[in-house]
Amino acid sequence: MSNANSYLDRLIKNFAEAILDPILFVLAAIAFLVFLWGLVVFIWKADSDEARRTGTRHMLYGLIGLLIIASTWGIVNLIQQTVTTLGS
């Protein structure tokens, strides 16, 4: 039984490191760029109400995206630790 738990631990760890972490990193970078673009639009076109609303929406979407990604990272780490603890 210990061998099966060890295999499952390694499988989950390798999956998270090889697939999930790079994907979440890229998505976090995109969300951050969306936030920055919204900030640039908000400041650059401060005289236009519509542009300020657009910039505000982009900043909000970027922050929501970062929050979702951080939560996903936390859930993945929780699952990894739970499986590792149960396998011990």
N, C-alpha and C. Protein backbone atom coordinates (compact mmCIF):
# COMPACT_ATOMS: atom_id res chain seq x y z
N MET A 1 0.83 -1.20 0.00
CA MET A 1 0.00 0.00 0.00
C MET A 1 0.86 1.25 0.00
N SER A 2 2.01 1.20 0.66
CA SER A 2 2.89 2.35 0.73
C SER A 2 3.42 2.73 -0.64
N ASN A 3 3.65 1.73 -1.49
CA ASN A 3 4.15 1.98 -2.83
C ASN A 3 3.11 2.74 -3.66
N ALA A 4 1.84 2.39 -3.50
CA ALA A 4 0.77 3.08 -4.22
C ALA A 4 0.64 4.52 -3.75
N ASN A 5 0.75 4.75 -2.45
CA ASN A 5 0.69 6.12 -1.92
C ASN A 5 1.86 6.94 -2.41
N SER A 6 3.04 6.33 -2.45
CA SER A 6 4.22 7.02 -2.93
C SER A 6 4.06 7.40 -4.40
N TYR A 7 3.51 6.49 -5.18
CA TYR A 7 3.27 6.77 -6.60
C TYR A 7 2.28 7.91 -6.77
N LEU A 8 1.20 7.90 -5.99
CA LEU A 8 0.19 8.95 -6.06
C LEU A 8 0.78 10.30 -5.65
N ASP A 9 1.60 10.31 -4.61
CA ASP A 9 2.26 11.54 -4.17
C ASP A 9 3.12 12.12 -5.29
N ARG A 10 3.93 11.26 -5.90
CA ARG A 10 4.81 11.72 -6.97
C ARG A 10 4.01 12.18 -8.19
N LEU A 11 2.93 11.47 -8.50
CA LEU A 11 2.10 11.83 -9.65
C LEU A 11 1.49 13.21 -9.46
N ILE A 12 0.92 13.45 -8.31
CA ILE A 12 0.29 14.75 -8.04
C ILE A 12 1.34 15.85 -8.02
N LYS A 13 2.47 15.59 -7.39
CA LYS A 13 3.53 16.59 -7.33
C LYS A 13 4.06 16.91 -8.73
N ASN A 14 4.32 15.90 -9.53
CA ASN A 14 4.83 16.12 -10.89
C ASN A 14 3.80 16.84 -11.76
N PHE A 15 2.53 16.48 -11.63
CA PHE A 15 1.47 17.13 -12.40
C PHE A 15 1.39 18.61 -12.05
N ALA A 16 1.44 18.91 -10.77
CA ALA A 16 1.36 20.30 -10.33
C ALA A 16 2.58 21.09 -10.79
N GLU A 17 3.77 20.51 -10.67
CA GLU A 17 4.98 21.23 -11.05
C GLU A 17 5.13 21.39 -12.56
N ALA A 18 4.76 20.36 -13.32
CA ALA A 18 4.99 20.39 -14.75
C ALA A 18 3.87 21.05 -15.54
N ILE A 19 2.65 20.98 -15.04
CA ILE A 19 1.52 21.47 -15.83
C ILE A 19 0.81 22.65 -15.15
N LEU A 20 0.36 22.46 -13.93
CA LEU A 20 -0.46 23.49 -13.28
C LEU A 20 0.32 24.76 -12.96
N ASP A 21 1.51 24.63 -12.39
CA ASP A 21 2.27 25.82 -12.01
C ASP A 21 2.58 26.73 -13.20
N PRO A 22 3.08 26.18 -14.33
CA PRO A 22 3.32 27.07 -15.48
C PRO A 22 2.05 27.72 -16.02
N ILE A 23 0.97 26.95 -16.06
CA ILE A 23 -0.29 27.51 -16.57
C ILE A 23 -0.78 28.63 -15.65
N LEU A 24 -0.76 28.40 -14.35
CA LEU A 24 -1.20 29.42 -13.41
C LEU A 24 -0.29 30.64 -13.44
N PHE A 25 1.00 30.42 -13.64
CA PHE A 25 1.93 31.55 -13.73
C PHE A 25 1.61 32.41 -14.95
N VAL A 26 1.37 31.79 -16.09
CA VAL A 26 1.03 32.55 -17.31
C VAL A 26 -0.29 33.29 -17.13
N LEU A 27 -1.27 32.63 -16.54
CA LEU A 27 -2.57 33.29 -16.32
C LEU A 27 -2.43 34.46 -15.35
N ALA A 28 -1.59 34.30 -14.32
CA ALA A 28 -1.36 35.39 -13.37
C ALA A 28 -0.68 36.56 -14.08
N ALA A 29 0.26 36.27 -14.96
CA ALA A 29 0.94 37.33 -15.70
C ALA A 29 -0.05 38.07 -16.61
N ILE A 30 -0.94 37.33 -17.26
CA ILE A 30 -1.95 37.95 -18.12
C ILE A 30 -2.89 38.82 -17.29
N ALA A 31 -3.33 38.32 -16.15
CA ALA A 31 -4.23 39.10 -15.29
C ALA A 31 -3.54 40.37 -14.81
N PHE A 32 -2.27 40.27 -14.48
CA PHE A 32 -1.52 41.45 -14.04
C PHE A 32 -1.39 42.46 -15.18
N LEU A 33 -1.14 41.98 -16.39
CA LEU A 33 -1.05 42.88 -17.55
C LEU A 33 -2.39 43.56 -17.84
N VAL A 34 -3.48 42.83 -17.67
CA VAL A 34 -4.81 43.43 -17.84
C VAL A 34 -5.01 44.54 -16.82
N PHE A 35 -4.61 44.27 -15.58
CA PHE A 35 -4.71 45.30 -14.54
C PHE A 35 -3.89 46.52 -14.91
N LEU A 36 -2.64 46.30 -15.33
CA LEU A 36 -1.77 47.42 -15.70
C LEU A 36 -2.33 48.19 -16.89
N TRP A 37 -2.86 47.47 -17.88
CA TRP A 37 -3.44 48.16 -19.04
C TRP A 37 -4.62 49.03 -18.61
N GLY A 38 -5.43 48.53 -17.72
CA GLY A 38 -6.55 49.32 -17.20
C GLY A 38 -6.05 50.57 -16.48
N LEU A 39 -4.97 50.43 -15.73
CA LEU A 39 -4.38 51.57 -15.04
C LEU A 39 -3.86 52.61 -16.03
N VAL A 40 -3.21 52.13 -17.08
CA VAL A 40 -2.69 53.05 -18.11
C VAL A 40 -3.84 53.79 -18.79
N VAL A 41 -4.87 53.07 -19.17
CA VAL A 41 -6.03 53.70 -19.83
C VAL A 41 -6.68 54.69 -18.87
N PHE A 42 -6.81 54.33 -17.62
CA PHE A 42 -7.45 55.20 -16.63
C PHE A 42 -6.68 56.51 -16.48
N ILE A 43 -5.36 56.42 -16.43
CA ILE A 43 -4.54 57.63 -16.24
C ILE A 43 -4.38 58.40 -17.54
N TRP A 44 -4.12 57.69 -18.64
CA TRP A 44 -3.82 58.34 -19.92
C TRP A 44 -5.02 59.12 -20.45
N LYS A 45 -6.19 58.58 -20.30
CA LYS A 45 -7.40 59.24 -20.83
C LYS A 45 -8.31 59.67 -19.70
N ALA A 46 -7.73 60.35 -18.73
CA ALA A 46 -8.47 60.76 -17.55
C ALA A 46 -9.57 61.77 -17.86
N ASP A 47 -9.49 62.44 -19.00
CA ASP A 47 -10.49 63.45 -19.34
C ASP A 47 -11.77 62.84 -19.91
N SER A 48 -11.75 61.56 -20.26
CA SER A 48 -12.91 60.90 -20.84
C SER A 48 -13.57 59.99 -19.81
N ASP A 49 -14.87 60.22 -19.57
CA ASP A 49 -15.58 59.38 -18.59
C ASP A 49 -15.66 57.93 -19.05
N GLU A 50 -15.91 57.72 -20.34
CA GLU A 50 -16.01 56.36 -20.86
C GLU A 50 -14.68 55.62 -20.74
N ALA A 51 -13.57 56.30 -21.03
CA ALA A 51 -12.25 55.67 -20.93
C ALA A 51 -11.91 55.35 -19.47
N ARG A 52 -12.30 56.22 -18.56
CA ARG A 52 -12.06 55.93 -17.14
C ARG A 52 -12.86 54.72 -16.68
N ARG A 53 -14.10 54.61 -17.15
CA ARG A 53 -14.91 53.43 -16.80
C ARG A 53 -14.29 52.16 -17.38
N THR A 54 -13.80 52.25 -18.62
CA THR A 54 -13.15 51.10 -19.25
C THR A 54 -11.89 50.71 -18.48
N GLY A 55 -11.09 51.69 -18.11
CA GLY A 55 -9.88 51.42 -17.32
C GLY A 55 -10.20 50.81 -15.98
N THR A 56 -11.23 51.32 -15.34
CA THR A 56 -11.66 50.78 -14.05
C THR A 56 -12.11 49.33 -14.19
N ARG A 57 -12.86 49.02 -15.24
CA ARG A 57 -13.31 47.64 -15.46
C ARG A 57 -12.12 46.71 -15.68
N HIS A 58 -11.15 47.16 -16.48
CA HIS A 58 -9.97 46.32 -16.72
C HIS A 58 -9.19 46.08 -15.42
N MET A 59 -9.05 47.11 -14.62
CA MET A 59 -8.35 46.93 -13.34
C MET A 59 -9.11 45.95 -12.46
N LEU A 60 -10.42 46.07 -12.42
CA LEU A 60 -11.23 45.17 -11.61
C LEU A 60 -11.13 43.73 -12.11
N TYR A 61 -11.22 43.53 -13.43
CA TYR A 61 -11.10 42.19 -13.99
C TYR A 61 -9.72 41.59 -13.70
N GLY A 62 -8.69 42.41 -13.79
CA GLY A 62 -7.34 41.93 -13.47
C GLY A 62 -7.22 41.49 -12.02
N LEU A 63 -7.78 42.28 -11.11
CA LEU A 63 -7.73 41.91 -9.69
C LEU A 63 -8.54 40.65 -9.39
N ILE A 64 -9.71 40.54 -10.01
CA ILE A 64 -10.52 39.34 -9.82
C ILE A 64 -9.79 38.12 -10.36
N GLY A 65 -9.15 38.26 -11.52
CA GLY A 65 -8.37 37.16 -12.08
C GLY A 65 -7.24 36.74 -11.17
N LEU A 66 -6.52 37.71 -10.61
CA LEU A 66 -5.43 37.39 -9.70
C LEU A 66 -5.95 36.70 -8.44
N LEU A 67 -7.09 37.12 -7.95
CA LEU A 67 -7.69 36.49 -6.78
C LEU A 67 -8.07 35.04 -7.06
N ILE A 68 -8.67 34.80 -8.21
CA ILE A 68 -9.05 33.44 -8.58
C ILE A 68 -7.82 32.56 -8.75
N ILE A 69 -6.78 33.09 -9.37
CA ILE A 69 -5.56 32.32 -9.58
C ILE A 69 -4.88 32.01 -8.25
N ALA A 70 -4.82 32.99 -7.36
CA ALA A 70 -4.22 32.75 -6.04
C ALA A 70 -5.01 31.70 -5.27
N SER A 71 -6.33 31.74 -5.38
CA SER A 71 -7.16 30.73 -4.72
C SER A 71 -6.92 29.35 -5.30
N THR A 72 -6.79 29.27 -6.60
CA THR A 72 -6.51 27.99 -7.25
C THR A 72 -5.18 27.43 -6.80
N TRP A 73 -4.17 28.29 -6.72
CA TRP A 73 -2.86 27.86 -6.25
C TRP A 73 -2.97 27.31 -4.82
N GLY A 74 -3.73 27.98 -3.98
CA GLY A 74 -3.91 27.53 -2.61
C GLY A 74 -4.62 26.19 -2.53
N ILE A 75 -5.65 26.00 -3.35
CA ILE A 75 -6.39 24.74 -3.35
C ILE A 75 -5.50 23.60 -3.82
N VAL A 76 -4.70 23.84 -4.87
CA VAL A 76 -3.78 22.81 -5.36
C VAL A 76 -2.78 22.43 -4.28
N ASN A 77 -2.22 23.42 -3.59
CA ASN A 77 -1.28 23.13 -2.52
C ASN A 77 -1.94 22.38 -1.37
N LEU A 78 -3.18 22.73 -1.06
CA LEU A 78 -3.92 22.02 -0.01
C LEU A 78 -4.12 20.56 -0.38
N ILE A 79 -4.49 20.30 -1.62
CA ILE A 79 -4.67 18.92 -2.08
C ILE A 79 -3.36 18.16 -2.01
N GLN A 80 -2.27 18.80 -2.45
CA GLN A 80 -0.96 18.14 -2.39
C GLN A 80 -0.59 17.77 -0.96
N GLN A 81 -0.76 18.69 -0.05
CA GLN A 81 -0.40 18.43 1.34
C GLN A 81 -1.30 17.37 1.96
N THR A 82 -2.57 17.38 1.62
CA THR A 82 -3.50 16.39 2.15
C THR A 82 -3.14 14.99 1.67
N VAL A 83 -2.85 14.86 0.38
CA VAL A 83 -2.49 13.55 -0.16
C VAL A 83 -1.17 13.09 0.43
N THR A 84 -0.22 14.00 0.59
CA THR A 84 1.07 13.63 1.17
C THR A 84 0.91 13.20 2.62
N THR A 85 0.08 13.91 3.37
CA THR A 85 -0.14 13.57 4.78
C THR A 85 -0.87 12.24 4.91
N LEU A 86 -1.86 12.00 4.06
CA LEU A 86 -2.59 10.74 4.12
C LEU A 86 -1.71 9.57 3.70
N GLY A 87 -0.75 9.83 2.83
CA GLY A 87 0.14 8.77 2.37
C GLY A 87 1.19 8.37 3.38
N SER A 88 1.43 9.23 4.36
CA SER A 88 2.49 8.93 5.35
C SER A 88 2.09 7.91 6.36
